[in-house]
Amino acid sequence: MPATFIGDLKLQAIGDASIAPVTSPAATVTGVSVDMQLSEGSINAMVVVGAATGASTATLAVKIQESVDNSTWTDLKTLDTLTSTSATGAGIVGLTFGGKILRNARYVRAFATVTGTPTTLPLSVVILGSKKIAGSGNGSLIG
């Protein structure tokens, strides 16, 4: 079977879910840091939001932040605000890509603010970047 980009994604990308899938977020959600030391260039962020329950409307604002020491954080980019209306049944109601985000620090994370009073608001934020590779052949990492 021929190799495909999706099949080789784990070999070409580095990243993780900064905010792992959560169904009942607090008013603010601080994502875990993603170490991008083996990444180069820009990163991408994807926010997935499901249908809110228990509130007529819930609004979600997500920022991508960076840190050189994994302790002090500065805002890098604010992503589009998503609004999830109350709905019956599951499903993705909001999906946004952060586009290319140029980072200057080793660590990145997502920070979300939820307004309204949803009982549930499924949410996830994934951050990905391209791995540093050198040469040809086996594509060994720069070490």
C-alpha atoms as a PDB file:
ATOM      1  CA  MET A   1       0.000   0.000   0.000  1.00  0.00           C
ATOM      2  CA  PRO A   2       1.503   3.387  -0.947  1.00  0.00           C
ATOM      3  CA  ALA A   3       2.330   5.861   1.784  1.00  0.00           C
ATOM      4  CA  THR A   4       0.035   8.829   2.207  1.00  0.00           C
ATOM      5  CA  PHE A   5       0.462  12.103   4.067  1.00  0.00           C
ATOM      6  CA  ILE A   6      -2.236  11.109   6.567  1.00  0.00           C
ATOM      7  CA  GLY A   7      -0.617   7.719   7.029  1.00  0.00           C
ATOM      8  CA  ASP A   8       2.722   9.426   7.676  1.00  0.00           C
ATOM      9  CA  LEU A   9       1.306  12.255   9.813  1.00  0.00           C
ATOM     10  CA  LYS A  10       2.823  10.822  12.985  1.00  0.00           C
ATOM     11  CA  LEU A  11       6.225  10.919  11.276  1.00  0.00           C
ATOM     12  CA  GLN A  12       5.818  14.456   9.889  1.00  0.00           C
ATOM     13  CA  ALA A  13       4.047  16.349  12.659  1.00  0.00           C
ATOM     14  CA  ILE A  14       4.519  17.069  16.319  1.00  0.00           C
ATOM     15  CA  GLY A  15       1.806  18.241  18.685  1.00  0.00           C
ATOM     16  CA  ASP A  16      -0.946  17.234  21.022  1.00  0.00           C
ATOM     17  CA  ALA A  17      -4.334  18.159  22.405  1.00  0.00           C
ATOM     18  CA  SER A  18      -3.711  21.176  24.618  1.00  0.00           C
ATOM     19  CA  ILE A  19      -7.336  20.953  25.753  1.00  0.00           C
ATOM     20  CA  ALA A  20      -8.275  17.291  25.574  1.00  0.00           C
ATOM     21  CA  PRO A  21     -11.920  16.577  24.836  1.00  0.00           C
ATOM     22  CA  VAL A  22     -13.931  17.926  27.757  1.00  0.00           C
ATOM     23  CA  THR A  23     -17.726  18.070  27.991  1.00  0.00           C
ATOM     24  CA  SER A  24     -18.299  20.398  30.943  1.00  0.00           C
ATOM     25  CA  PRO A  25     -15.666  23.141  30.906  1.00  0.00           C
ATOM     26  CA  ALA A  26     -15.336  25.704  33.680  1.00  0.00           C
ATOM     27  CA  ALA A  27     -15.534  29.439  32.970  1.00  0.00           C
ATOM     28  CA  THR A  28     -11.855  29.286  32.010  1.00  0.00           C
ATOM     29  CA  VAL A  29      -9.923  26.286  30.775  1.00  0.00           C
ATOM     30  CA  THR A  30      -6.129  26.334  30.825  1.00  0.00           C
ATOM     31  CA  GLY A  31      -4.771  23.800  28.378  1.00  0.00           C
ATOM     32  CA  VAL A  32      -1.702  21.693  29.024  1.00  0.00           C
ATOM     33  CA  SER A  33       1.503  22.886  27.429  1.00  0.00           C
ATOM     34  CA  VAL A  34       2.746  21.308  24.226  1.00  0.00           C
ATOM     35  CA  ASP A  35       6.542  21.106  23.891  1.00  0.00           C
ATOM     36  CA  MET A  36       7.409  22.217  20.353  1.00  0.00           C
ATOM     37  CA  GLN A  37      11.205  21.868  20.692  1.00  0.00           C
ATOM     38  CA  LEU A  38      11.374  19.412  17.786  1.00  0.00           C
ATOM     39  CA  SER A  39       9.143  21.626  15.660  1.00  0.00           C
ATOM     40  CA  GLU A  40      10.135  24.373  13.274  1.00  0.00           C
ATOM     41  CA  GLY A  41       8.309  27.262  11.698  1.00  0.00           C
ATOM     42  CA  SER A  42       4.667  27.986  12.271  1.00  0.00           C
ATOM     43  CA  ILE A  43       2.126  25.920  14.172  1.00  0.00           C
ATOM     44  CA  ASN A  44      -1.572  25.305  13.579  1.00  0.00           C
ATOM     45  CA  ALA A  45      -4.403  25.151  16.096  1.00  0.00           C
ATOM     46  CA  MET A  46      -7.811  23.547  15.635  1.00  0.00           C
ATOM     47  CA  VAL A  47     -10.777  24.150  17.943  1.00  0.00           C
ATOM     48  CA  VAL A  48     -13.743  21.746  17.880  1.00  0.00           C
ATOM     49  CA  VAL A  49     -16.948  22.644  19.743  1.00  0.00           C
ATOM     50  CA  GLY A  50     -20.083  20.552  20.170  1.00  0.00           C
ATOM     51  CA  ALA A  51     -23.664  21.510  20.947  1.00  0.00           C
ATOM     52  CA  ALA A  52     -24.241  23.263  24.260  1.00  0.00           C
ATOM     53  CA  THR A  53     -26.916  22.110  26.687  1.00  0.00           C
ATOM     54  CA  GLY A  54     -28.424  23.851  29.687  1.00  0.00           C
ATOM     55  CA  ALA A  55     -28.045  27.373  28.306  1.00  0.00           C
ATOM     56  CA  SER A  56     -29.687  29.221  25.484  1.00  0.00           C
ATOM     57  CA  THR A  57     -26.298  30.327  24.182  1.00  0.00           C
ATOM     58  CA  ALA A  58     -22.707  29.698  25.173  1.00  0.00           C
ATOM     59  CA  THR A  59     -19.778  31.645  23.764  1.00  0.00           C
ATOM     60  CA  LEU A  60     -16.238  30.356  23.607  1.00  0.00           C
ATOM     61  CA  ALA A  61     -13.100  32.462  23.086  1.00  0.00           C
ATOM     62  CA  VAL A  62      -9.784  30.660  22.612  1.00  0.00           C
ATOM     63  CA  LYS A  63      -6.291  32.129  22.780  1.00  0.00           C
ATOM     64  CA  ILE A  64      -3.037  30.425  21.863  1.00  0.00           C
ATOM     65  CA  GLN A  65      -0.258  31.311  24.285  1.00  0.00           C
ATOM     66  CA  GLU A  66       3.498  30.715  24.324  1.00  0.00           C
ATOM     67  CA  SER A  67       6.211  30.421  26.977  1.00  0.00           C
ATOM     68  CA  VAL A  68       9.983  30.086  26.978  1.00  0.00           C
ATOM     69  CA  ASP A  69      10.043  28.489  30.436  1.00  0.00           C
ATOM     70  CA  ASN A  70       6.678  26.662  30.624  1.00  0.00           C
ATOM     71  CA  SER A  71       5.738  28.991  33.484  1.00  0.00           C
ATOM     72  CA  THR A  72       5.180  32.573  32.278  1.00  0.00           C
ATOM     73  CA  TRP A  73       2.717  32.806  29.377  1.00  0.00           C
ATOM     74  CA  THR A  74       2.027  35.497  26.790  1.00  0.00           C
ATOM     75  CA  ASP A  75      -0.792  35.655  24.269  1.00  0.00           C
ATOM     76  CA  LEU A  76       0.237  34.674  20.764  1.00  0.00           C
ATOM     77  CA  LYS A  77      -3.059  34.752  18.876  1.00  0.00           C
ATOM     78  CA  THR A  78      -6.761  35.029  19.655  1.00  0.00           C
ATOM     79  CA  LEU A  79      -8.845  32.687  17.537  1.00  0.00           C
ATOM     80  CA  ASP A  80     -12.348  33.398  16.288  1.00  0.00           C
ATOM     81  CA  THR A  81     -15.060  33.400  18.935  1.00  0.00           C
ATOM     82  CA  LEU A  82     -17.468  30.489  18.573  1.00  0.00           C
ATOM     83  CA  THR A  83     -21.100  30.533  19.648  1.00  0.00           C
ATOM     84  CA  SER A  84     -22.904  27.279  20.401  1.00  0.00           C
ATOM     85  CA  THR A  85     -26.661  27.440  20.657  1.00  0.00           C
ATOM     86  CA  SER A  86     -28.621  25.023  22.789  1.00  0.00           C
ATOM     87  CA  ALA A  87     -29.479  21.931  20.800  1.00  0.00           C
ATOM     88  CA  THR A  88     -30.756  18.431  21.279  1.00  0.00           C
ATOM     89  CA  GLY A  89     -28.464  15.686  20.114  1.00  0.00           C
ATOM     90  CA  ALA A  90     -24.730  15.572  19.666  1.00  0.00           C
ATOM     91  CA  GLY A  91     -22.622  16.854  16.871  1.00  0.00           C
ATOM     92  CA  ILE A  92     -19.986  19.379  15.976  1.00  0.00           C
ATOM     93  CA  VAL A  93     -21.461  22.850  15.754  1.00  0.00           C
ATOM     94  CA  GLY A  94     -18.227  24.787  15.547  1.00  0.00           C
ATOM     95  CA  LEU A  95     -14.861  24.124  13.978  1.00  0.00           C
ATOM     96  CA  THR A  96     -12.172  26.739  13.548  1.00  0.00           C
ATOM     97  CA  PHE A  97      -8.578  26.636  12.380  1.00  0.00           C
ATOM     98  CA  GLY A  98      -6.106  29.134  13.746  1.00  0.00           C
ATOM     99  CA  GLY A  99      -4.203  29.295  10.485  1.00  0.00           C
ATOM    100  CA  LYS A 100      -0.439  29.569  10.530  1.00  0.00           C
ATOM    101  CA  ILE A 101       0.692  30.905  13.891  1.00  0.00           C
ATOM    102  CA  LEU A 102       4.337  31.932  14.116  1.00  0.00           C
ATOM    103  CA  ARG A 103       5.717  31.065  17.522  1.00  0.00           C
ATOM    104  CA  ASN A 104       8.855  32.378  19.186  1.00  0.00           C
ATOM    105  CA  ALA A 105       8.992  30.118  22.228  1.00  0.00           C
ATOM    106  CA  ARG A 106       9.356  26.416  22.968  1.00  0.00           C
ATOM    107  CA  TYR A 107       6.026  25.809  24.710  1.00  0.00           C
ATOM    108  CA  VAL A 108       2.511  26.590  23.496  1.00  0.00           C
ATOM    109  CA  ARG A 109      -0.934  26.026  24.970  1.00  0.00           C
ATOM    110  CA  ALA A 110      -4.578  26.960  24.524  1.00  0.00           C
ATOM    111  CA  PHE A 111      -6.542  29.078  26.978  1.00  0.00           C
ATOM    112  CA  ALA A 112     -10.338  29.129  26.666  1.00  0.00           C
ATOM    113  CA  THR A 113     -12.969  31.399  28.200  1.00  0.00           C
ATOM    114  CA  VAL A 114     -16.591  30.218  28.316  1.00  0.00           C
ATOM    115  CA  THR A 115     -19.445  32.687  28.808  1.00  0.00           C
ATOM    116  CA  GLY A 116     -23.048  31.754  29.461  1.00  0.00           C
ATOM    117  CA  THR A 117     -23.999  28.904  31.737  1.00  0.00           C
ATOM    118  CA  PRO A 118     -23.880  25.715  29.692  1.00  0.00           C
ATOM    119  CA  THR A 119     -24.359  22.417  31.490  1.00  0.00           C
ATOM    120  CA  THR A 120     -22.260  20.802  28.778  1.00  0.00           C
ATOM    121  CA  LEU A 121     -20.163  22.277  25.997  1.00  0.00           C
ATOM    122  CA  PRO A 122     -17.974  19.678  24.283  1.00  0.00           C
ATOM    123  CA  LEU A 123     -14.604  21.275  23.537  1.00  0.00           C
ATOM    124  CA  SER A 124     -11.165  20.279  22.284  1.00  0.00           C
ATOM    125  CA  VAL A 125      -8.111  22.233  21.055  1.00  0.00           C
ATOM    126  CA  VAL A 126      -5.289  20.524  19.154  1.00  0.00           C
ATOM    127  CA  ILE A 127      -1.937  22.166  18.325  1.00  0.00           C
ATOM    128  CA  LEU A 128       0.309  20.777  15.564  1.00  0.00           C
ATOM    129  CA  GLY A 129       3.606  21.766  13.948  1.00  0.00           C
ATOM    130  CA  SER A 130       6.039  20.300  11.419  1.00  0.00           C
ATOM    131  CA  LYS A 131       8.877  18.164  12.730  1.00  0.00           C
ATOM    132  CA  LYS A 132      12.453  19.234  12.110  1.00  0.00           C
ATOM    133  CA  ILE A 133      14.007  16.785   9.681  1.00  0.00           C
ATOM    134  CA  ALA A 134      17.334  16.737   7.903  1.00  0.00           C
ATOM    135  CA  GLY A 135      18.718  15.009   4.885  1.00  0.00           C
ATOM    136  CA  SER A 136      16.942  12.418   2.826  1.00  0.00           C
ATOM    137  CA  GLY A 137      16.434   8.708   3.076  1.00  0.00           C
ATOM    138  CA  ASN A 138      15.183   7.801   6.519  1.00  0.00           C
ATOM    139  CA  GLY A 139      14.460  11.453   7.432  1.00  0.00           C
ATOM    140  CA  SER A 140      16.324  11.319  10.724  1.00  0.00           C
ATOM    141  CA  LEU A 141      15.608  14.056  13.218  1.00  0.00           C
ATOM    142  CA  ILE A 142      18.124  16.827  13.723  1.00  0.00           C
ATOM    143  CA  GLY A 143      19.861  15.940  16.935  1.00  0.00           C
END
